[in-house]
Amino acid sequence: MVKFCGIDNATLYKDNKYIAYFPFVEDDYFYNMIFRFGEKCECLEPDYIRLEIIKKIEKLLSIYQTT
Protein backbone atom coordinates (compact mmCIF):
# COMPACT_ATOMS: atom_id res chain seq x y z
CA MET A 1 0.00 0.00 0.00
CA VAL A 2 2.86 2.38 0.78
CA LYS A 3 4.29 1.85 -2.69
CA PHE A 4 0.90 2.62 -4.18
CA CYS A 5 0.02 5.69 -2.09
CA GLY A 6 3.50 7.06 -1.53
CA ILE A 7 5.35 7.40 1.75
CA ASP A 8 4.04 10.95 2.24
CA ASN A 9 0.47 9.59 2.37
CA ALA A 10 1.16 6.69 4.72
CA THR A 11 1.67 6.61 8.47
CA LEU A 12 3.23 3.69 10.31
CA TYR A 13 0.58 2.22 12.60
CA LYS A 14 2.09 -0.84 14.30
CA ASP A 15 3.62 -4.21 13.51
CA ASN A 16 4.68 -3.07 10.04
CA LYS A 17 1.12 -1.92 9.27
CA TYR A 18 0.32 1.45 7.76
CA ILE A 19 -2.61 3.79 7.50
CA ALA A 20 -2.69 5.28 4.02
CA TYR A 21 -4.62 8.28 2.81
CA PHE A 22 -5.56 8.67 -0.82
CA PRO A 23 -8.40 10.13 -2.86
CA PHE A 24 -11.01 7.56 -3.78
CA VAL A 25 -13.36 7.85 -6.73
CA GLU A 26 -16.49 5.75 -6.44
CA ASP A 27 -16.21 3.62 -9.53
CA ASP A 28 -15.39 0.01 -10.37
CA TYR A 29 -11.72 0.84 -11.02
CA PHE A 30 -11.11 2.05 -7.46
CA TYR A 31 -13.18 -0.69 -5.82
CA ASN A 32 -11.27 -3.31 -7.82
CA MET A 33 -8.03 -1.63 -6.79
CA ILE A 34 -8.98 -2.12 -3.12
CA PHE A 35 -9.89 -5.77 -3.80
CA ARG A 36 -6.49 -6.42 -5.39
CA PHE A 37 -4.90 -5.98 -1.96
CA GLY A 38 -7.12 -8.77 -0.61
CA GLU A 39 -7.01 -9.28 3.14
CA LYS A 40 -3.90 -7.10 3.37
CA CYS A 41 -5.96 -3.92 3.07
CA GLU A 42 -8.92 -2.56 5.00
CA CYS A 43 -10.88 0.56 4.21
CA LEU A 44 -11.35 2.31 7.55
CA GLU A 45 -13.50 5.19 6.40
CA PRO A 46 -15.78 6.66 5.23
CA ASP A 47 -18.49 4.32 6.43
CA TYR A 48 -20.51 4.45 3.21
CA ILE A 49 -17.50 3.17 1.24
CA ARG A 50 -16.98 0.38 3.79
CA LEU A 51 -20.65 -0.58 3.42
CA GLU A 52 -20.39 -0.64 -0.37
CA ILE A 53 -17.30 -2.86 -0.14
CA ILE A 54 -19.22 -5.22 2.16
CA LYS A 55 -22.11 -5.37 -0.34
CA LYS A 56 -19.73 -6.19 -3.18
CA ILE A 57 -18.01 -8.90 -1.12
CA GLU A 58 -21.36 -10.43 -0.14
CA LYS A 59 -22.48 -10.45 -3.78
CA LEU A 60 -19.26 -12.18 -4.83
CA LEU A 61 -19.54 -14.65 -1.95
CA SER A 62 -23.10 -15.55 -2.98
CA ILE A 63 -21.75 -16.76 -6.31
CA TYR A 64 -19.47 -19.28 -4.59
CA GLN A 65 -21.72 -20.42 -1.77
CA THR A 66 -23.73 -23.55 -2.30
CA THR A 67 -27.29 -23.84 -1.12
PDB file of N, CA and C in Angstrom:
ATOM      1  N   MET A   1       0.827  -1.188   0.000  1.00  0.00           N
ATOM      2  CA  MET A   1       0.000   0.000   0.000  1.00  0.00           C
ATOM      3  C   MET A   1       0.872   1.252   0.000  1.00  0.00           C
ATOM      4  N   VAL A   2       1.981   1.220   0.728  1.00  0.00           N
ATOM      5  CA  VAL A   2       2.859   2.383   0.784  1.00  0.00           C
ATOM      6  C   VAL A   2       3.411   2.692  -0.602  1.00  0.00           C
ATOM      7  N   LYS A   3       3.788   1.647  -1.337  1.00  0.00           N
ATOM      8  CA  LYS A   3       4.294   1.848  -2.692  1.00  0.00           C
ATOM      9  C   LYS A   3       3.229   2.478  -3.581  1.00  0.00           C
ATOM     10  N   PHE A   4       1.982   2.102  -3.363  1.00  0.00           N
ATOM     11  CA  PHE A   4       0.898   2.623  -4.176  1.00  0.00           C
ATOM     12  C   PHE A   4       0.559   4.076  -3.826  1.00  0.00           C
ATOM     13  N   CYS A   5       0.458   4.371  -2.533  1.00  0.00           N
ATOM     14  CA  CYS A   5       0.023   5.691  -2.086  1.00  0.00           C
ATOM     15  C   CYS A   5       1.164   6.692  -1.928  1.00  0.00           C
ATOM     16  N   GLY A   6       2.362   6.186  -1.775  1.00  0.00           N
ATOM     17  CA  GLY A   6       3.499   7.063  -1.525  1.00  0.00           C
ATOM     18  C   GLY A   6       3.744   7.208  -0.031  1.00  0.00           C
ATOM     19  N   ILE A   7       4.986   7.321   0.338  1.00  0.00           N
ATOM     20  CA  ILE A   7       5.347   7.396   1.752  1.00  0.00           C
ATOM     21  C   ILE A   7       4.789   8.640   2.429  1.00  0.00           C
ATOM     22  N   ASP A   8       4.585   9.712   1.668  1.00  0.00           N
ATOM     23  CA  ASP A   8       4.038  10.947   2.239  1.00  0.00           C
ATOM     24  C   ASP A   8       2.574  10.803   2.641  1.00  0.00           C
ATOM     25  N   ASN A   9       1.890   9.816   2.079  1.00  0.00           N
ATOM     26  CA  ASN A   9       0.471   9.595   2.373  1.00  0.00           C
ATOM     27  C   ASN A   9       0.229   8.398   3.275  1.00  0.00           C
ATOM     28  N   ALA A  10       1.286   7.872   3.862  1.00  0.00           N
ATOM     29  CA  ALA A  10       1.156   6.693   4.722  1.00  0.00           C
ATOM     30  C   ALA A  10       1.804   6.971   6.072  1.00  0.00           C
ATOM     31  N   THR A  11       1.170   6.467   7.106  1.00  0.00           N
ATOM     32  CA  THR A  11       1.673   6.613   8.468  1.00  0.00           C
ATOM     33  C   THR A  11       1.839   5.229   9.071  1.00  0.00           C
ATOM     34  N   LEU A  12       3.006   4.968   9.646  1.00  0.00           N
ATOM     35  CA  LEU A  12       3.226   3.686  10.310  1.00  0.00           C
ATOM     36  C   LEU A  12       2.267   3.567  11.479  1.00  0.00           C
ATOM     37  N   TYR A  13       1.554   2.452  11.538  1.00  0.00           N
ATOM     38  CA  TYR A  13       0.579   2.225  12.596  1.00  0.00           C
ATOM     39  C   TYR A  13       1.186   1.356  13.681  1.00  0.00           C
ATOM     40  N   LYS A  14       1.419   0.092  13.392  1.00  0.00           N
ATOM     41  CA  LYS A  14       2.088  -0.837  14.303  1.00  0.00           C
ATOM     42  C   LYS A  14       2.350  -2.137  13.568  1.00  0.00           C
ATOM     43  N   ASP A  15       3.312  -2.892  14.067  1.00  0.00           N
ATOM     44  CA  ASP A  15       3.620  -4.214  13.508  1.00  0.00           C
ATOM     45  C   ASP A  15       3.744  -4.190  11.988  1.00  0.00           C
ATOM     46  N   ASN A  16       4.451  -3.200  11.479  1.00  0.00           N
ATOM     47  CA  ASN A  16       4.676  -3.067  10.043  1.00  0.00           C
ATOM     48  C   ASN A  16       3.373  -2.868   9.269  1.00  0.00           C
ATOM     49  N   LYS A  17       2.386  -2.256   9.913  1.00  0.00           N
ATOM     50  CA  LYS A  17       1.120  -1.916   9.267  1.00  0.00           C
ATOM     51  C   LYS A  17       1.068  -0.401   9.110  1.00  0.00           C
ATOM     52  N   TYR A  18       0.400   0.028   8.060  1.00  0.00           N
ATOM     53  CA  TYR A  18       0.320   1.452   7.756  1.00  0.00           C
ATOM     54  C   TYR A  18      -1.124   1.890   7.596  1.00  0.00           C
ATOM     55  N   ILE A  19      -1.359   3.148   7.864  1.00  0.00           N
ATOM     56  CA  ILE A  19      -2.613   3.787   7.504  1.00  0.00           C
ATOM     57  C   ILE A  19      -2.278   4.701   6.339  1.00  0.00           C
ATOM     58  N   ALA A  20      -2.963   4.505   5.225  1.00  0.00           N
ATOM     59  CA  ALA A  20      -2.688   5.275   4.015  1.00  0.00           C
ATOM     60  C   ALA A  20      -3.887   6.157   3.684  1.00  0.00           C
ATOM     61  N   TYR A  21      -3.595   7.325   3.205  1.00  0.00           N
ATOM     62  CA  TYR A  21      -4.624   8.284   2.811  1.00  0.00           C
ATOM     63  C   TYR A  21      -4.493   8.532   1.315  1.00  0.00           C
ATOM     64  N   PHE A  22      -5.590   8.348   0.599  1.00  0.00           N
ATOM     65  CA  PHE A  22      -5.561   8.668  -0.822  1.00  0.00           C
ATOM     66  C   PHE A  22      -6.965   8.968  -1.302  1.00  0.00           C
ATOM     67  N   PRO A  23      -7.073   9.815  -2.327  1.00  0.00           N
ATOM     68  CA  PRO A  23      -8.402  10.132  -2.857  1.00  0.00           C
ATOM     69  C   PRO A  23      -9.020   8.896  -3.493  1.00  0.00           C
ATOM     70  N   PHE A  24     -10.291   8.735  -3.286  1.00  0.00           N
ATOM     71  CA  PHE A  24     -11.006   7.561  -3.781  1.00  0.00           C
ATOM     72  C   PHE A  24     -12.175   8.026  -4.625  1.00  0.00           C
ATOM     73  N   VAL A  25     -12.244   7.552  -5.838  1.00  0.00           N
ATOM     74  CA  VAL A  25     -13.355   7.846  -6.731  1.00  0.00           C
ATOM     75  C   VAL A  25     -14.278   6.631  -6.711  1.00  0.00           C
ATOM     76  N   GLU A  26     -15.550   6.870  -6.516  1.00  0.00           N
ATOM     77  CA  GLU A  26     -16.488   5.752  -6.436  1.00  0.00           C
ATOM     78  C   GLU A  26     -16.811   5.205  -7.828  1.00  0.00           C
ATOM     79  N   ASP A  27     -15.943   4.328  -8.290  1.00  0.00           N
ATOM     80  CA  ASP A  27     -16.207   3.619  -9.531  1.00  0.00           C
ATOM     81  C   ASP A  27     -15.573   2.245  -9.440  1.00  0.00           C
ATOM     82  N   ASP A  28     -15.865   1.399 -10.411  1.00  0.00           N
ATOM     83  CA  ASP A  28     -15.388   0.015 -10.373  1.00  0.00           C
ATOM     84  C   ASP A  28     -13.866  -0.061 -10.333  1.00  0.00           C
ATOM     85  N   TYR A  29     -13.194   0.856 -11.010  1.00  0.00           N
ATOM     86  CA  TYR A  29     -11.724   0.836 -11.020  1.00  0.00           C
ATOM     87  C   TYR A  29     -11.169   0.921  -9.604  1.00  0.00           C
ATOM     88  N   PHE A  30     -11.651   1.876  -8.808  1.00  0.00           N
ATOM     89  CA  PHE A  30     -11.113   2.050  -7.461  1.00  0.00           C
ATOM     90  C   PHE A  30     -11.555   0.934  -6.515  1.00  0.00           C
ATOM     91  N   TYR A  31     -12.777   0.444  -6.651  1.00  0.00           N
ATOM     92  CA  TYR A  31     -13.180  -0.695  -5.818  1.00  0.00           C
ATOM     93  C   TYR A  31     -12.330  -1.917  -6.153  1.00  0.00           C
ATOM     94  N   ASN A  32     -12.108  -2.168  -7.424  1.00  0.00           N
ATOM     95  CA  ASN A  32     -11.274  -3.308  -7.819  1.00  0.00           C
ATOM     96  C   ASN A  32      -9.840  -3.139  -7.337  1.00  0.00           C
ATOM     97  N   MET A  33      -9.375  -1.908  -7.298  1.00  0.00           N
ATOM     98  CA  MET A  33      -8.035  -1.635  -6.794  1.00  0.00           C
ATOM     99  C   MET A  33      -7.937  -2.048  -5.317  1.00  0.00           C
ATOM    100  N   ILE A  34      -8.949  -1.713  -4.530  1.00  0.00           N
ATOM    101  CA  ILE A  34      -8.976  -2.121  -3.119  1.00  0.00           C
ATOM    102  C   ILE A  34      -8.986  -3.646  -3.022  1.00  0.00           C
ATOM    103  N   PHE A  35      -9.796  -4.316  -3.848  1.00  0.00           N
ATOM    104  CA  PHE A  35      -9.890  -5.774  -3.802  1.00  0.00           C
ATOM    105  C   PHE A  35      -8.588  -6.456  -4.185  1.00  0.00           C
ATOM    106  N   ARG A  36      -7.769  -5.819  -5.006  1.00  0.00           N
ATOM    107  CA  ARG A  36      -6.487  -6.420  -5.387  1.00  0.00           C
ATOM    108  C   ARG A  36      -5.572  -6.631  -4.186  1.00  0.00           C
ATOM    109  N   PHE A  37      -5.731  -5.829  -3.158  1.00  0.00           N
ATOM    110  CA  PHE A  37      -4.904  -5.978  -1.958  1.00  0.00           C
ATOM    111  C   PHE A  37      -5.394  -7.134  -1.079  1.00  0.00           C
ATOM    112  N   GLY A  38      -6.592  -7.634  -1.354  1.00  0.00           N
ATOM    113  CA  GLY A  38      -7.125  -8.768  -0.606  1.00  0.00           C
ATOM    114  C   GLY A  38      -7.246  -8.466   0.875  1.00  0.00           C
ATOM    115  N   GLU A  39      -6.887  -9.445   1.693  1.00  0.00           N
ATOM    116  CA  GLU A  39      -7.009  -9.277   3.138  1.00  0.00           C
ATOM    117  C   GLU A  39      -5.891  -8.416   3.722  1.00  0.00           C
ATOM    118  N   LYS A  40      -5.001  -7.930   2.897  1.00  0.00           N
ATOM    119  CA  LYS A  40      -3.899  -7.099   3.373  1.00  0.00           C
ATOM    120  C   LYS A  40      -4.262  -5.618   3.410  1.00  0.00           C
ATOM    121  N   CYS A  41      -5.515  -5.304   3.099  1.00  0.00           N
ATOM    122  CA  CYS A  41      -5.957  -3.917   3.066  1.00  0.00           C
ATOM    123  C   CYS A  41      -7.356  -3.821   3.649  1.00  0.00           C
ATOM    124  N   GLU A  42      -7.588  -2.801   4.446  1.00  0.00           N
ATOM    125  CA  GLU A  42      -8.918  -2.558   4.998  1.00  0.00           C
ATOM    126  C   GLU A  42      -9.247  -1.086   4.846  1.00  0.00           C
ATOM    127  N   CYS A  43     -10.399  -0.810   4.305  1.00  0.00           N
ATOM    128  CA  CYS A  43     -10.884   0.565   4.212  1.00  0.00           C
ATOM    129  C   CYS A  43     -11.466   0.931   5.573  1.00  0.00           C
ATOM    130  N   LEU A  44     -10.891   1.921   6.228  1.00  0.00           N
ATOM    131  CA  LEU A  44     -11.349   2.309   7.555  1.00  0.00           C
ATOM    132  C   LEU A  44     -12.487   3.320   7.514  1.00  0.00           C
ATOM    133  N   GLU A  45     -12.466   4.176   6.536  1.00  0.00           N
ATOM    134  CA  GLU A  45     -13.505   5.188   6.395  1.00  0.00           C
ATOM    135  C   GLU A  45     -13.467   5.763   5.001  1.00  0.00           C
ATOM    136  N   PRO A  46     -14.509   6.371   4.564  1.00  0.00           N
ATOM    137  CA  PRO A  46     -15.777   6.658   5.231  1.00  0.00           C
ATOM    138  C   PRO A  46     -16.669   5.418   5.286  1.00  0.00           C
ATOM    139  N   ASP A  47     -17.621   5.472   6.190  1.00  0.00           N
ATOM    140  CA  ASP A  47     -18.491   4.318   6.428  1.00  0.00           C
ATOM    141  C   ASP A  47     -19.260   3.883   5.187  1.00  0.00           C
ATOM    142  N   TYR A  48     -19.714   4.837   4.378  1.00  0.00           N
ATOM    143  CA  TYR A  48     -20.508   4.451   3.214  1.00  0.00           C
ATOM    144  C   TYR A  48     -19.672   3.682   2.192  1.00  0.00           C
ATOM    145  N   ILE A  49     -18.378   3.946   2.128  1.00  0.00           N
ATOM    146  CA  ILE A  49     -17.505   3.165   1.239  1.00  0.00           C
ATOM    147  C   ILE A  49     -17.308   1.769   1.818  1.00  0.00           C
ATOM    148  N   ARG A  50     -17.090   1.682   3.129  1.00  0.00           N
ATOM    149  CA  ARG A  50     -16.978   0.376   3.788  1.00  0.00           C
ATOM    150  C   ARG A  50     -18.221  -0.472   3.514  1.00  0.00           C
ATOM    151  N   LEU A  51     -19.397   0.147   3.636  1.00  0.00           N
ATOM    152  CA  LEU A  51     -20.647  -0.585   3.418  1.00  0.00           C
ATOM    153  C   LEU A  51     -20.767  -1.058   1.969  1.00  0.00           C
ATOM    154  N   GLU A  52     -20.342  -0.242   1.037  1.00  0.00           N
ATOM    155  CA  GLU A  52     -20.386  -0.643  -0.373  1.00  0.00           C
ATOM    156  C   GLU A  52     -19.420  -1.803  -0.634  1.00  0.00           C
ATOM    157  N   ILE A  53     -18.260  -1.760  -0.008  1.00  0.00           N
ATOM    158  CA  ILE A  53     -17.301  -2.865  -0.139  1.00  0.00           C
ATOM    159  C   ILE A  53     -17.903  -4.153   0.420  1.00  0.00           C
ATOM    160  N   ILE A  54     -18.557  -4.052   1.559  1.00  0.00           N
ATOM    161  CA  ILE A  54     -19.216  -5.224   2.155  1.00  0.00           C
ATOM    162  C   ILE A  54     -20.273  -5.787   1.206  1.00  0.00           C
ATOM    163  N   LYS A  55     -21.080  -4.908   0.613  1.00  0.00           N
ATOM    164  CA  LYS A  55     -22.111  -5.367  -0.336  1.00  0.00           C
ATOM    165  C   LYS A  55     -21.481  -6.104  -1.511  1.00  0.00           C
ATOM    166  N   LYS A  56     -20.397  -5.563  -2.037  1.00  0.00           N
ATOM    167  CA  LYS A  56     -19.734  -6.192  -3.179  1.00  0.00           C
ATOM    168  C   LYS A  56     -19.134  -7.544  -2.794  1.00  0.00           C
ATOM    169  N   ILE A  57     -18.560  -7.631  -1.603  1.00  0.00           N
ATOM    170  CA  ILE A  57     -18.007  -8.898  -1.125  1.00  0.00           C
ATOM    171  C   ILE A  57     -19.123  -9.927  -0.942  1.00  0.00           C
ATOM    172  N   GLU A  58     -20.236  -9.510  -0.349  1.00  0.00           N
ATOM    173  CA  GLU A  58     -21.356 -10.430  -0.143  1.00  0.00           C
ATOM    174  C   GLU A  58     -21.916 -10.924  -1.477  1.00  0.00           C
ATOM    175  N   LYS A  59     -21.988 -10.046  -2.456  1.00  0.00           N
ATOM    176  CA  LYS A  59     -22.479 -10.446  -3.783  1.00  0.00           C
ATOM    177  C   LYS A  59     -21.542 -11.467  -4.408  1.00  0.00           C
ATOM    178  N   LEU A  60     -20.245 -11.227  -4.303  1.00  0.00           N
ATOM    179  CA  LEU A  60     -19.263 -12.176  -4.825  1.00  0.00           C
ATOM    180  C   LEU A  60     -19.339 -13.505  -4.072  1.00  0.00           C
ATOM    181  N   LEU A  61     -19.452 -13.446  -2.764  1.00  0.00           N
ATOM    182  CA  LEU A  61     -19.541 -14.648  -1.946  1.00  0.00           C
ATOM    183  C   LEU A  61     -20.771 -15.478  -2.325  1.00  0.00           C
ATOM    184  N   SER A  62     -21.877 -14.815  -2.630  1.00  0.00           N
ATOM    185  CA  SER A  62     -23.099 -15.549  -2.976  1.00  0.00           C
ATOM    186  C   SER A  62     -22.922 -16.394  -4.238  1.00  0.00           C
ATOM    187  N   ILE A  63     -22.015 -15.984  -5.092  1.00  0.00           N
ATOM    188  CA  ILE A  63     -21.751 -16.761  -6.307  1.00  0.00           C
ATOM    189  C   ILE A  63     -21.102 -18.104  -5.958  1.00  0.00           C
ATOM    190  N   TYR A  64     -20.256 -18.102  -4.931  1.00  0.00           N
ATOM    191  CA  TYR A  64     -19.474 -19.282  -4.585  1.00  0.00           C
ATOM    192  C   TYR A  64     -20.088 -20.150  -3.504  1.00  0.00           C
ATOM    193  N   GLN A  65     -21.074 -19.625  -2.792  1.00  0.00           N
ATOM    194  CA  GLN A  65     -21.716 -20.425  -1.765  1.00  0.00           C
ATOM    195  C   GLN A  65     -22.703 -21.394  -2.397  1.00  0.00           C
ATOM    196  N   THR A  66     -22.753 -22.573  -1.821  1.00  0.00           N
ATOM    197  CA  THR A  66     -23.730 -23.548  -2.302  1.00  0.00           C
ATOM    198  C   THR A  66     -24.937 -23.532  -1.388  1.00  0.00           C
ATOM    199  N   THR A  67     -26.051 -23.842  -1.931  1.00  0.00           N
ATOM    200  CA  THR A  67     -27.285 -23.845  -1.123  1.00  0.00           C
ATOM    201  C   THR A  67     -27.641 -25.220  -0.673  1.00  0.00           C
TER     202      THR A  67
END
